[in-house]
């Protein structure tokens, strides 16, 4: 629950609908957990049993993160690794263009098509 509370706090100023995606682990199905997500107006999404493709978007992101900023690098502390991950997420969302998004970054894609 403390990790969930931290995630709620960190994303509280998000202008978009927040989604919490997980597998069907028992912890994510607990009444307190589900109710807290509802209270925070966070949409809960769960992978279907035996369907690994439901999580493919996040698996793809983590694969890219590891490939582009982790493999071959040595981080000497948790704080250093955390800073590198935060920088990568900022880069990925705001600057890294994708062919599937019309050569826009994810943020620019959302901004362009959110008003449409």
PDB file of N, CA and C in Angstrom:
ATOM      1  N   UNK A   1       0.822  -1.194   0.000  1.00  0.00           N
ATOM      2  CA  UNK A   1       0.000   0.000   0.000  1.00  0.00           C
ATOM      3  C   UNK A   1       0.867   1.260   0.000  1.00  0.00           C
ATOM      4  N   UNK A   2       2.038   1.205   0.628  1.00  0.00           N
ATOM      5  CA  UNK A   2       2.881   2.401   0.661  1.00  0.00           C
ATOM      6  C   UNK A   2       3.390   2.741  -0.741  1.00  0.00           C
ATOM      7  N   UNK A   3       3.699   1.731  -1.553  1.00  0.00           N
ATOM      8  CA  UNK A   3       4.121   1.996  -2.936  1.00  0.00           C
ATOM      9  C   UNK A   3       2.974   2.599  -3.737  1.00  0.00           C
ATOM     10  N   UNK A   4       1.767   2.115  -3.516  1.00  0.00           N
ATOM     11  CA  UNK A   4       0.601   2.665  -4.197  1.00  0.00           C
ATOM     12  C   UNK A   4       0.387   4.121  -3.783  1.00  0.00           C
ATOM     13  N   UNK A   5       0.484   4.417  -2.505  1.00  0.00           N
ATOM     14  CA  UNK A   5       0.310   5.795  -2.039  1.00  0.00           C
ATOM     15  C   UNK A   5       1.359   6.715  -2.665  1.00  0.00           C
ATOM     16  N   UNK A   6       2.570   6.223  -2.763  1.00  0.00           N
ATOM     17  CA  UNK A   6       3.645   7.026  -3.393  1.00  0.00           C
ATOM     18  C   UNK A   6       3.321   7.268  -4.866  1.00  0.00           C
ATOM     19  N   UNK A   7       2.861   6.244  -5.574  1.00  0.00           N
ATOM     20  CA  UNK A   7       2.513   6.390  -6.986  1.00  0.00           C
ATOM     21  C   UNK A   7       1.364   7.379  -7.157  1.00  0.00           C
ATOM     22  N   UNK A   8       0.393   7.331  -6.274  1.00  0.00           N
ATOM     23  CA  UNK A   8      -0.725   8.276  -6.330  1.00  0.00           C
ATOM     24  C   UNK A   8      -0.225   9.694  -6.140  1.00  0.00           C
ATOM     25  N   UNK A   9       0.660   9.884  -5.181  1.00  0.00           N
ATOM     26  CA  UNK A   9       1.200  11.215  -4.914  1.00  0.00           C
ATOM     27  C   UNK A   9       2.021  11.728  -6.098  1.00  0.00           C
ATOM     28  N   UNK A  10       2.896  10.895  -6.614  1.00  0.00           N
ATOM     29  CA  UNK A  10       3.785  11.304  -7.701  1.00  0.00           C
ATOM     30  C   UNK A  10       3.013  11.652  -8.965  1.00  0.00           C
ATOM     31  N   UNK A  11       1.892  10.976  -9.204  1.00  0.00           N
ATOM     32  CA  UNK A  11       1.131  11.201 -10.437  1.00  0.00           C
ATOM     33  C   UNK A  11      -0.074  12.109 -10.230  1.00  0.00           C
ATOM     34  N   UNK A  12      -0.188  12.725  -9.072  1.00  0.00           N
ATOM     35  CA  UNK A  12      -1.393  13.497  -8.748  1.00  0.00           C
ATOM     36  C   UNK A  12      -1.640  14.676  -9.680  1.00  0.00           C
ATOM     37  N   UNK A  13      -0.604  15.233 -10.286  1.00  0.00           N
ATOM     38  CA  UNK A  13      -0.798  16.376 -11.178  1.00  0.00           C
ATOM     39  C   UNK A  13      -0.886  15.974 -12.651  1.00  0.00           C
ATOM     40  N   UNK A  14      -1.022  14.698 -12.912  1.00  0.00           N
ATOM     41  CA  UNK A  14      -1.117  14.202 -14.285  1.00  0.00           C
ATOM     42  C   UNK A  14      -2.412  14.693 -14.930  1.00  0.00           C
ATOM     43  N   UNK A  15      -2.319  15.366 -16.083  1.00  0.00           N
ATOM     44  CA  UNK A  15      -3.535  15.881 -16.725  1.00  0.00           C
ATOM     45  C   UNK A  15      -4.317  14.812 -17.489  1.00  0.00           C
ATOM     46  N   UNK A  16      -3.744  13.619 -17.611  1.00  0.00           N
ATOM     47  CA  UNK A  16      -4.387  12.541 -18.361  1.00  0.00           C
ATOM     48  C   UNK A  16      -4.995  11.524 -17.407  1.00  0.00           C
ATOM     49  N   UNK A  17      -5.834  10.667 -17.952  1.00  0.00           N
ATOM     50  CA  UNK A  17      -6.395   9.589 -17.139  1.00  0.00           C
ATOM     51  C   UNK A  17      -5.249   8.685 -16.698  1.00  0.00           C
ATOM     52  N   UNK A  18      -5.181   8.414 -15.422  1.00  0.00           N
ATOM     53  CA  UNK A  18      -4.142   7.521 -14.916  1.00  0.00           C
ATOM     54  C   UNK A  18      -4.654   6.091 -14.962  1.00  0.00           C
ATOM     55  N   UNK A  19      -3.771   5.188 -15.377  1.00  0.00           N
ATOM     56  CA  UNK A  19      -4.097   3.774 -15.464  1.00  0.00           C
ATOM     57  C   UNK A  19      -3.064   2.992 -14.671  1.00  0.00           C
ATOM     58  N   UNK A  20      -3.535   2.075 -13.862  1.00  0.00           N
ATOM     59  CA  UNK A  20      -2.657   1.167 -13.129  1.00  0.00           C
ATOM     60  C   UNK A  20      -2.830  -0.207 -13.751  1.00  0.00           C
ATOM     61  N   UNK A  21      -1.768  -0.700 -14.401  1.00  0.00           N
ATOM     62  CA  UNK A  21      -1.847  -2.010 -15.044  1.00  0.00           C
ATOM     63  C   UNK A  21      -0.987  -3.003 -14.275  1.00  0.00           C
ATOM     64  N   UNK A  22      -1.527  -4.186 -14.064  1.00  0.00           N
ATOM     65  CA  UNK A  22      -0.788  -5.227 -13.342  1.00  0.00           C
ATOM     66  C   UNK A  22      -1.228  -6.592 -13.835  1.00  0.00           C
ATOM     67  N   UNK A  23      -0.552  -7.587 -13.332  1.00  0.00           N
ATOM     68  CA  UNK A  23      -1.040  -8.941 -13.561  1.00  0.00           C
ATOM     69  C   UNK A  23      -2.157  -9.196 -12.558  1.00  0.00           C
ATOM     70  N   UNK A  24      -2.619 -10.426 -12.463  1.00  0.00           N
ATOM     71  CA  UNK A  24      -3.728 -10.721 -11.562  1.00  0.00           C
ATOM     72  C   UNK A  24      -3.266 -11.229 -10.197  1.00  0.00           C
ATOM     73  N   UNK A  25      -2.108 -10.778  -9.778  1.00  0.00           N
ATOM     74  CA  UNK A  25      -1.601 -11.179  -8.477  1.00  0.00           C
ATOM     75  C   UNK A  25      -2.577 -10.827  -7.363  1.00  0.00           C
ATOM     76  N   UNK A  26      -2.575 -11.626  -6.320  1.00  0.00           N
ATOM     77  CA  UNK A  26      -3.544 -11.454  -5.229  1.00  0.00           C
ATOM     78  C   UNK A  26      -3.464 -10.065  -4.606  1.00  0.00           C
ATOM     79  N   UNK A  27      -2.259  -9.508  -4.529  1.00  0.00           N
ATOM     80  CA  UNK A  27      -2.106  -8.196  -3.883  1.00  0.00           C
ATOM     81  C   UNK A  27      -2.895  -7.121  -4.617  1.00  0.00           C
ATOM     82  N   UNK A  28      -2.968  -7.216  -5.941  1.00  0.00           N
ATOM     83  CA  UNK A  28      -3.655  -6.200  -6.738  1.00  0.00           C
ATOM     84  C   UNK A  28      -5.165  -6.390  -6.746  1.00  0.00           C
ATOM     85  N   UNK A  29      -5.632  -7.502  -6.207  1.00  0.00           N
ATOM     86  CA  UNK A  29      -7.062  -7.759  -6.154  1.00  0.00           C
ATOM     87  C   UNK A  29      -7.650  -7.520  -4.770  1.00  0.00           C
ATOM     88  N   UNK A  30      -6.803  -7.189  -3.808  1.00  0.00           N
ATOM     89  CA  UNK A  30      -7.282  -6.954  -2.446  1.00  0.00           C
ATOM     90  C   UNK A  30      -8.258  -5.779  -2.432  1.00  0.00           C
ATOM     91  N   UNK A  31      -9.293  -5.895  -1.646  1.00  0.00           N
ATOM     92  CA  UNK A  31     -10.341  -4.865  -1.588  1.00  0.00           C
ATOM     93  C   UNK A  31      -9.760  -3.486  -1.278  1.00  0.00           C
ATOM     94  N   UNK A  32      -8.852  -3.402  -0.306  1.00  0.00           N
ATOM     95  CA  UNK A  32      -8.258  -2.105   0.058  1.00  0.00           C
ATOM     96  C   UNK A  32      -7.523  -1.486  -1.131  1.00  0.00           C
ATOM     97  N   UNK A  33      -6.815  -2.310  -1.869  1.00  0.00           N
ATOM     98  CA  UNK A  33      -6.043  -1.838  -3.018  1.00  0.00           C
ATOM     99  C   UNK A  33      -6.980  -1.306  -4.102  1.00  0.00           C
ATOM    100  N   UNK A  34      -7.968  -2.104  -4.445  1.00  0.00           N
ATOM    101  CA  UNK A  34      -8.930  -1.735  -5.493  1.00  0.00           C
ATOM    102  C   UNK A  34      -9.681  -0.467  -5.091  1.00  0.00           C
ATOM    103  N   UNK A  35     -10.128  -0.398  -3.844  1.00  0.00           N
ATOM    104  CA  UNK A  35     -10.861   0.778  -3.371  1.00  0.00           C
ATOM    105  C   UNK A  35      -9.996   2.036  -3.382  1.00  0.00           C
ATOM    106  N   UNK A  36      -8.713   1.885  -3.033  1.00  0.00           N
ATOM    107  CA  UNK A  36      -7.826   3.057  -3.036  1.00  0.00           C
ATOM    108  C   UNK A  36      -7.624   3.576  -4.451  1.00  0.00           C
ATOM    109  N   UNK A  37      -7.501   2.691  -5.417  1.00  0.00           N
ATOM    110  CA  UNK A  37      -7.390   3.122  -6.813  1.00  0.00           C
ATOM    111  C   UNK A  37      -8.641   3.880  -7.234  1.00  0.00           C
ATOM    112  N   UNK A  38      -9.800   3.377  -6.858  1.00  0.00           N
ATOM    113  CA  UNK A  38     -11.061   4.054  -7.201  1.00  0.00           C
ATOM    114  C   UNK A  38     -11.142   5.431  -6.547  1.00  0.00           C
ATOM    115  N   UNK A  39     -10.757   5.517  -5.277  1.00  0.00           N
ATOM    116  CA  UNK A  39     -10.778   6.802  -4.568  1.00  0.00           C
ATOM    117  C   UNK A  39      -9.897   7.833  -5.266  1.00  0.00           C
ATOM    118  N   UNK A  40      -8.768   7.377  -5.797  1.00  0.00           N
ATOM    119  CA  UNK A  40      -7.827   8.276  -6.464  1.00  0.00           C
ATOM    120  C   UNK A  40      -8.179   8.485  -7.935  1.00  0.00           C
ATOM    121  N   UNK A  41      -9.302   7.913  -8.362  1.00  0.00           N
ATOM    122  CA  UNK A  41      -9.770   8.012  -9.743  1.00  0.00           C
ATOM    123  C   UNK A  41      -8.717   7.490 -10.726  1.00  0.00           C
ATOM    124  N   UNK A  42      -8.154   6.343 -10.378  1.00  0.00           N
ATOM    125  CA  UNK A  42      -7.176   5.672 -11.228  1.00  0.00           C
ATOM    126  C   UNK A  42      -7.831   4.431 -11.796  1.00  0.00           C
ATOM    127  N   UNK A  43      -7.796   4.311 -13.108  1.00  0.00           N
ATOM    128  CA  UNK A  43      -8.378   3.167 -13.799  1.00  0.00           C
ATOM    129  C   UNK A  43      -7.498   1.948 -13.571  1.00  0.00           C
ATOM    130  N   UNK A  44      -8.086   0.850 -13.135  1.00  0.00           N
ATOM    131  CA  UNK A  44      -7.329  -0.373 -12.909  1.00  0.00           C
ATOM    132  C   UNK A  44      -7.463  -1.290 -14.115  1.00  0.00           C
ATOM    133  N   UNK A  45      -6.328  -1.734 -14.601  1.00  0.00           N
ATOM    134  CA  UNK A  45      -6.271  -2.629 -15.753  1.00  0.00           C
ATOM    135  C   UNK A  45      -5.471  -3.859 -15.342  1.00  0.00           C
ATOM    136  N   UNK A  46      -5.954  -5.029 -15.693  1.00  0.00           N
ATOM    137  CA  UNK A  46      -5.240  -6.265 -15.370  1.00  0.00           C
ATOM    138  C   UNK A  46      -5.110  -7.127 -16.602  1.00  0.00           C
ATOM    139  N   UNK A  47      -3.963  -7.785 -16.695  1.00  0.00           N
ATOM    140  CA  UNK A  47      -3.761  -8.750 -17.762  1.00  0.00           C
ATOM    141  C   UNK A  47      -4.722  -9.909 -17.573  1.00  0.00           C
ATOM    142  N   UNK A  48      -5.127 -10.489 -18.680  1.00  0.00           N
ATOM    143  CA  UNK A  48      -5.964 -11.689 -18.590  1.00  0.00           C
ATOM    144  C   UNK A  48      -5.067 -12.879 -18.245  1.00  0.00           C
ATOM    145  N   UNK A  49      -5.627 -13.864 -17.592  1.00  0.00           N
ATOM    146  CA  UNK A  49      -4.859 -15.053 -17.216  1.00  0.00           C
ATOM    147  C   UNK A  49      -4.284 -15.717 -18.461  1.00  0.00           C
ATOM    148  N   UNK A  50      -2.996 -16.033 -18.388  1.00  0.00           N
ATOM    149  CA  UNK A  50      -2.337 -16.750 -19.468  1.00  0.00           C
ATOM    150  C   UNK A  50      -2.188 -15.953 -20.750  1.00  0.00           C
ATOM    151  N   UNK A  51      -2.289 -14.628 -20.671  1.00  0.00           N
ATOM    152  CA  UNK A  51      -2.191 -13.793 -21.862  1.00  0.00           C
ATOM    153  C   UNK A  51      -1.073 -12.776 -21.676  1.00  0.00           C
ATOM    154  N   UNK A  52       0.134 -13.200 -21.963  1.00  0.00           N
ATOM    155  CA  UNK A  52       1.292 -12.330 -21.751  1.00  0.00           C
ATOM    156  C   UNK A  52       1.265 -11.106 -22.665  1.00  0.00           C
ATOM    157  N   UNK A  53       0.551 -11.176 -23.792  1.00  0.00           N
ATOM    158  CA  UNK A  53       0.517 -10.042 -24.707  1.00  0.00           C
ATOM    159  C   UNK A  53      -0.195  -8.832 -24.119  1.00  0.00           C
ATOM    160  N   UNK A  54      -1.024  -9.030 -23.093  1.00  0.00           N
ATOM    161  CA  UNK A  54      -1.691  -7.908 -22.447  1.00  0.00           C
ATOM    162  C   UNK A  54      -0.684  -6.923 -21.867  1.00  0.00           C
ATOM    163  N   UNK A  55       0.468  -7.389 -21.526  1.00  0.00           N
ATOM    164  CA  UNK A  55       1.481  -6.550 -20.907  1.00  0.00           C
ATOM    165  C   UNK A  55       2.592  -6.192 -21.896  1.00  0.00           C
ATOM    166  N   UNK A  56       2.376  -6.420 -23.158  1.00  0.00           N
ATOM    167  CA  UNK A  56       3.446  -6.255 -24.145  1.00  0.00           C
ATOM    168  C   UNK A  56       3.947  -4.824 -24.263  1.00  0.00           C
ATOM    169  N   UNK A  57       3.070  -3.836 -24.065  1.00  0.00           N
ATOM    170  CA  UNK A  57       3.495  -2.440 -24.165  1.00  0.00           C
ATOM    171  C   UNK A  57       4.558  -2.134 -23.111  1.00  0.00           C
ATOM    172  N   UNK A  58       4.290  -2.539 -21.869  1.00  0.00           N
ATOM    173  CA  UNK A  58       5.277  -2.284 -20.809  1.00  0.00           C
ATOM    174  C   UNK A  58       6.518  -3.137 -20.994  1.00  0.00           C
ATOM    175  N   UNK A  59       6.346  -4.381 -21.431  1.00  0.00           N
ATOM    176  CA  UNK A  59       7.518  -5.222 -21.687  1.00  0.00           C
ATOM    177  C   UNK A  59       8.401  -4.589 -22.754  1.00  0.00           C
ATOM    178  N   UNK A  60       7.775  -4.015 -23.789  1.00  0.00           N
ATOM    179  CA  UNK A  60       8.526  -3.342 -24.842  1.00  0.00           C
ATOM    180  C   UNK A  60       9.280  -2.138 -24.278  1.00  0.00           C
ATOM    181  N   UNK A  61       8.592  -1.327 -23.469  1.00  0.00           N
ATOM    182  CA  UNK A  61       9.234  -0.157 -22.875  1.00  0.00           C
ATOM    183  C   UNK A  61      10.436  -0.566 -22.027  1.00  0.00           C
ATOM    184  N   UNK A  62      10.258  -1.552 -21.144  1.00  0.00           N
ATOM    185  CA  UNK A  62      11.366  -1.956 -20.279  1.00  0.00           C
ATOM    186  C   UNK A  62      12.504  -2.561 -21.084  1.00  0.00           C
ATOM    187  N   UNK A  63      12.181  -3.259 -22.171  1.00  0.00           N
ATOM    188  CA  UNK A  63      13.223  -3.781 -23.050  1.00  0.00           C
ATOM    189  C   UNK A  63      14.041  -2.655 -23.656  1.00  0.00           C
ATOM    190  N   UNK A  64      13.362  -1.606 -24.124  1.00  0.00           N
ATOM    191  CA  UNK A  64      14.065  -0.449 -24.685  1.00  0.00           C
ATOM    192  C   UNK A  64      14.888   0.259 -23.620  1.00  0.00           C
ATOM    193  N   UNK A  65      14.313   0.448 -22.450  1.00  0.00           N
ATOM    194  CA  UNK A  65      15.024   1.109 -21.364  1.00  0.00           C
ATOM    195  C   UNK A  65      16.324   0.367 -21.056  1.00  0.00           C
ATOM    196  N   UNK A  66      16.232  -0.946 -20.904  1.00  0.00           N
ATOM    197  CA  UNK A  66      17.438  -1.729 -20.596  1.00  0.00           C
ATOM    198  C   UNK A  66      18.448  -1.652 -21.730  1.00  0.00           C
ATOM    199  N   UNK A  67      17.977  -1.736 -22.949  1.00  0.00           N
ATOM    200  CA  UNK A  67      18.861  -1.724 -24.118  1.00  0.00           C
ATOM    201  C   UNK A  67      19.526  -0.359 -24.301  1.00  0.00           C
ATOM    202  N   UNK A  68      18.780   0.720 -24.109  1.00  0.00           N
ATOM    203  CA  UNK A  68      19.282   2.047 -24.426  1.00  0.00           C
ATOM    204  C   UNK A  68      19.985   2.764 -23.278  1.00  0.00           C
ATOM    205  N   UNK A  69      19.751   2.369 -22.034  1.00  0.00           N
ATOM    206  CA  UNK A  69      20.416   3.107 -20.954  1.00  0.00           C
ATOM    207  C   UNK A  69      21.015   2.226 -19.861  1.00  0.00           C
ATOM    208  N   UNK A  70      20.766   0.936 -19.905  1.00  0.00           N
ATOM    209  CA  UNK A  70      21.224   0.100 -18.793  1.00  0.00           C
ATOM    210  C   UNK A  70      22.377  -0.829 -19.178  1.00  0.00           C
ATOM    211  N   UNK A  71      22.189  -1.646 -20.235  1.00  0.00           N
ATOM    212  CA  UNK A  71      23.216  -2.613 -20.602  1.00  0.00           C
ATOM    213  C   UNK A  71      24.527  -1.902 -20.923  1.00  0.00           C
ATOM    214  N   UNK A  72      25.603  -2.410 -20.358  1.00  0.00           N
ATOM    215  CA  UNK A  72      26.926  -1.837 -20.586  1.00  0.00           C
ATOM    216  C   UNK A  72      27.275  -0.690 -19.653  1.00  0.00           C
ATOM    217  N   UNK A  73      26.350  -0.291 -18.818  1.00  0.00           N
ATOM    218  CA  UNK A  73      26.586   0.801 -17.875  1.00  0.00           C
ATOM    219  C   UNK A  73      26.766   0.233 -16.465  1.00  0.00           C
ATOM    220  N   UNK A  74      27.552   0.911 -15.679  1.00  0.00           N
ATOM    221  CA  UNK A  74      27.710   0.551 -14.278  1.00  0.00           C
ATOM    222  C   UNK A  74      27.162   1.686 -13.433  1.00  0.00           C
ATOM    223  N   UNK A  75      26.240   1.371 -12.558  1.00  0.00           N
ATOM    224  CA  UNK A  75      25.681   2.362 -11.643  1.00  0.00           C
ATOM    225  C   UNK A  75      26.196   2.011 -10.254  1.00  0.00           C
ATOM    226  N   UNK A  76      26.695   3.016  -9.578  1.00  0.00           N
ATOM    227  CA  UNK A  76      27.377   2.781  -8.309  1.00  0.00           C
ATOM    228  C   UNK A  76      26.486   2.952  -7.087  1.00  0.00           C
ATOM    229  N   UNK A  77      25.258   3.362  -7.301  1.00  0.00           N
ATOM    230  CA  UNK A  77      24.331   3.476  -6.179  1.00  0.00           C
ATOM    231  C   UNK A  77      22.909   3.417  -6.719  1.00  0.00           C
ATOM    232  N   UNK A  78      21.990   3.144  -5.825  1.00  0.00           N
ATOM    233  CA  UNK A  78      20.586   3.151  -6.209  1.00  0.00           C
ATOM    234  C   UNK A  78      20.190   4.533  -6.717  1.00  0.00           C
ATOM    235  N   UNK A  79      20.669   5.577  -6.035  1.00  0.00           N
ATOM    236  CA  UNK A  79      20.317   6.943  -6.409  1.00  0.00           C
ATOM    237  C   UNK A  79      20.795   7.269  -7.821  1.00  0.00           C
ATOM    238  N   UNK A  80      21.984   6.816  -8.177  1.00  0.00           N
ATOM    239  CA  UNK A  80      22.507   7.053  -9.528  1.00  0.00           C
ATOM    240  C   UNK A  80      21.650   6.332 -10.573  1.00  0.00           C
ATOM    241  N   UNK A  81      21.284   5.096 -10.285  1.00  0.00           N
ATOM    242  CA  UNK A  81      20.411   4.345 -11.192  1.00  0.00           C
ATOM    243  C   UNK A  81      19.048   5.019 -11.296  1.00  0.00           C
ATOM    244  N   UNK A  82      18.496   5.444 -10.164  1.00  0.00           N
ATOM    245  CA  UNK A  82      17.190   6.116 -10.183  1.00  0.00           C
ATOM    246  C   UNK A  82      17.237   7.382 -11.034  1.00  0.00           C
ATOM    247  N   UNK A  83      18.290   8.185 -10.900  1.00  0.00           N
ATOM    248  CA  UNK A  83      18.418   9.405 -11.720  1.00  0.00           C
ATOM    249  C   UNK A  83      18.489   9.055 -13.205  1.00  0.00           C
ATOM    250  N   UNK A  84      19.232   8.008 -13.539  1.00  0.00           N
ATOM    251  CA  UNK A  84      19.353   7.599 -14.936  1.00  0.00           C
ATOM    252  C   UNK A  84      18.008   7.135 -15.490  1.00  0.00           C
ATOM    253  N   UNK A  85      17.256   6.397 -14.695  1.00  0.00           N
ATOM    254  CA  UNK A  85      15.930   5.935 -15.134  1.00  0.00           C
ATOM    255  C   UNK A  85      14.998   7.124 -15.318  1.00  0.00           C
ATOM    256  N   UNK A  86      15.015   8.056 -14.389  1.00  0.00           N
ATOM    257  CA  UNK A  86      14.163   9.249 -14.512  1.00  0.00           C
ATOM    258  C   UNK A  86      14.515  10.047 -15.770  1.00  0.00           C
ATOM    259  N   UNK A  87      15.820  10.207 -16.046  1.00  0.00           N
ATOM    260  CA  UNK A  87      16.244  10.917 -17.262  1.00  0.00           C
ATOM    261  C   UNK A  87      15.783  10.185 -18.510  1.00  0.00           C
ATOM    262  N   UNK A  88      15.876   8.850 -18.480  1.00  0.00           N
ATOM    263  CA  UNK A  88      15.454   8.077 -19.643  1.00  0.00           C
ATOM    264  C   UNK A  88      13.946   8.207 -19.872  1.00  0.00           C
ATOM    265  N   UNK A  89      13.162   8.145 -18.826  1.00  0.00           N
ATOM    266  CA  UNK A  89      11.710   8.279 -18.970  1.00  0.00           C
ATOM    267  C   UNK A  89      11.360   9.650 -19.535  1.00  0.00           C
ATOM    268  N   UNK A  90      12.028  10.688 -19.056  1.00  0.00           N
ATOM    269  CA  UNK A  90      11.825  12.037 -19.593  1.00  0.00           C
ATOM    270  C   UNK A  90      12.170  12.072 -21.083  1.00  0.00           C
ATOM    271  N   UNK A  91      13.317  11.518 -21.431  1.00  0.00           N
ATOM    272  CA  UNK A  91      13.740  11.448 -22.836  1.00  0.00           C
ATOM    273  C   UNK A  91      12.727  10.656 -23.660  1.00  0.00           C
ATOM    274  N   UNK A  92      12.338   9.492 -23.179  1.00  0.00           N
ATOM    275  CA  UNK A  92      11.419   8.614 -23.915  1.00  0.00           C
ATOM    276  C   UNK A  92      10.091   9.318 -24.177  1.00  0.00           C
ATOM    277  N   UNK A  93       9.537   9.963 -23.167  1.00  0.00           N
ATOM    278  CA  UNK A  93       8.225  10.588 -23.304  1.00  0.00           C
ATOM    279  C   UNK A  93       8.248  11.876 -24.121  1.00  0.00           C
ATOM    280  N   UNK A  94       9.305  12.665 -23.980  1.00  0.00           N
ATOM    281  CA  UNK A  94       9.292  13.996 -24.590  1.00  0.00           C
ATOM    282  C   UNK A  94      10.156  14.159 -25.831  1.00  0.00           C
ATOM    283  N   UNK A  95      11.141  13.301 -26.021  1.00  0.00           N
ATOM    284  CA  UNK A  95      12.096  13.539 -27.108  1.00  0.00           C
ATOM    285  C   UNK A  95      12.288  12.365 -28.067  1.00  0.00           C
ATOM    286  N   UNK A  96      12.088  11.150 -27.611  1.00  0.00           N
ATOM    287  CA  UNK A  96      12.346   9.976 -28.449  1.00  0.00           C
ATOM    288  C   UNK A  96      11.200   9.795 -29.438  1.00  0.00           C
ATOM    289  N   UNK A  97      11.490   9.987 -30.727  1.00  0.00           N
ATOM    290  CA  UNK A  97      10.442   9.875 -31.735  1.00  0.00           C
ATOM    291  C   UNK A  97      10.244   8.415 -32.129  1.00  0.00           C
ATOM    292  N   UNK A  98       9.011   8.122 -32.580  1.00  0.00           N
ATOM    293  CA  UNK A  98       8.675   6.752 -32.979  1.00  0.00           C
ATOM    294  C   UNK A  98       7.962   6.792 -34.320  1.00  0.00           C
ATOM    295  N   UNK A  99       8.343   5.895 -35.202  1.00  0.00           N
ATOM    296  CA  UNK A  99       7.702   5.812 -36.517  1.00  0.00           C
ATOM    297  C   UNK A  99       6.207   5.562 -36.374  1.00  0.00           C
ATOM    298  N   UNK A 100       5.828   4.687 -35.429  1.00  0.00           N
ATOM    299  CA  UNK A 100       4.412   4.352 -35.234  1.00  0.00           C
ATOM    300  C   UNK A 100       3.587   5.548 -34.784  1.00  0.00           C
ATOM    301  N   UNK A 101       4.231   6.570 -34.274  1.00  0.00           N
ATOM    302  CA  UNK A 101       3.531   7.774 -33.820  1.00  0.00           C
ATOM    303  C   UNK A 101       3.716   8.920 -34.813  1.00  0.00           C
ATOM    304  N   UNK A 102       3.991   8.589 -36.050  1.00  0.00           N
ATOM    305  CA  UNK A 102       4.167   9.624 -37.068  1.00  0.00           C
ATOM    306  C   UNK A 102       5.410  10.464 -36.844  1.00  0.00           C
ATOM    307  N   UNK A 103       6.454   9.849 -36.325  1.00  0.00           N
ATOM    308  CA  UNK A 103       7.739  10.497 -36.036  1.00  0.00           C
ATOM    309  C   UNK A 103       7.603  11.591 -34.980  1.00  0.00           C
ATOM    310  N   UNK A 104       6.695  11.368 -34.056  1.00  0.00           N
ATOM    311  CA  UNK A 104       6.528  12.261 -32.914  1.00  0.00           C
ATOM    312  C   UNK A 104       6.914  11.520 -31.640  1.00  0.00           C
ATOM    313  N   UNK A 105       7.229  12.281 -30.599  1.00  0.00           N
ATOM    314  CA  UNK A 105       7.428  11.674 -29.281  1.00  0.00           C
ATOM    315  C   UNK A 105       6.051  11.343 -28.715  1.00  0.00           C
ATOM    316  N   UNK A 106       5.964  10.457 -27.715  1.00  0.00           N
ATOM    317  CA  UNK A 106       4.658  10.158 -27.122  1.00  0.00           C
ATOM    318  C   UNK A 106       3.912  11.390 -26.625  1.00  0.00           C
ATOM    319  N   UNK A 107       4.589  12.334 -25.977  1.00  0.00           N
ATOM    320  CA  UNK A 107       3.924  13.537 -25.483  1.00  0.00           C
ATOM    321  C   UNK A 107       3.414  14.376 -26.647  1.00  0.00           C
ATOM    322  N   UNK A 108       4.242  14.587 -27.661  1.00  0.00           N
ATOM    323  CA  UNK A 108       3.806  15.396 -28.792  1.00  0.00           C
ATOM    324  C   UNK A 108       2.665  14.727 -29.557  1.00  0.00           C
ATOM    325  N   UNK A 109       2.677  13.419 -29.619  1.00  0.00           N
ATOM    326  CA  UNK A 109       1.592  12.692 -30.269  1.00  0.00           C
ATOM    327  C   UNK A 109       0.280  12.915 -29.518  1.00  0.00           C
ATOM    328  N   UNK A 110       0.340  12.778 -28.204  1.00  0.00           N
ATOM    329  CA  UNK A 110      -0.874  12.992 -27.395  1.00  0.00           C
ATOM    330  C   UNK A 110      -1.379  14.414 -27.525  1.00  0.00           C
ATOM    331  N   UNK A 111      -0.450  15.381 -27.480  1.00  0.00           N
ATOM    332  CA  UNK A 111      -0.867  16.778 -27.575  1.00  0.00           C
ATOM    333  C   UNK A 111      -1.494  17.075 -28.932  1.00  0.00           C
ATOM    334  N   UNK A 112      -0.951  16.512 -29.974  1.00  0.00           N
ATOM    335  CA  UNK A 112      -1.477  16.763 -31.315  1.00  0.00           C
ATOM    336  C   UNK A 112      -2.860  16.167 -31.498  1.00  0.00           C
ATOM    337  N   UNK A 113      -3.075  14.955 -30.985  1.00  0.00           N
ATOM    338  CA  UNK A 113      -4.329  14.265 -31.252  1.00  0.00           C
ATOM    339  C   UNK A 113      -5.336  14.332 -30.103  1.00  0.00           C
ATOM    340  N   UNK A 114      -4.957  14.902 -28.979  1.00  0.00           N
ATOM    341  CA  UNK A 114      -5.884  15.018 -27.851  1.00  0.00           C
ATOM    342  C   UNK A 114      -7.001  16.005 -28.169  1.00  0.00           C
ATOM    343  N   UNK A 115      -6.668  17.046 -28.882  1.00  0.00           N
ATOM    344  CA  UNK A 115      -7.656  18.071 -29.211  1.00  0.00           C
ATOM    345  C   UNK A 115      -8.530  17.666 -30.397  1.00  0.00           C
ATOM    346  N   UNK A 116      -8.068  16.686 -31.146  1.00  0.00           N
ATOM    347  CA  UNK A 116      -8.799  16.291 -32.369  1.00  0.00           C
ATOM    348  C   UNK A 116     -10.046  15.501 -32.089  1.00  0.00           C
TER     349      UNK A 116
END
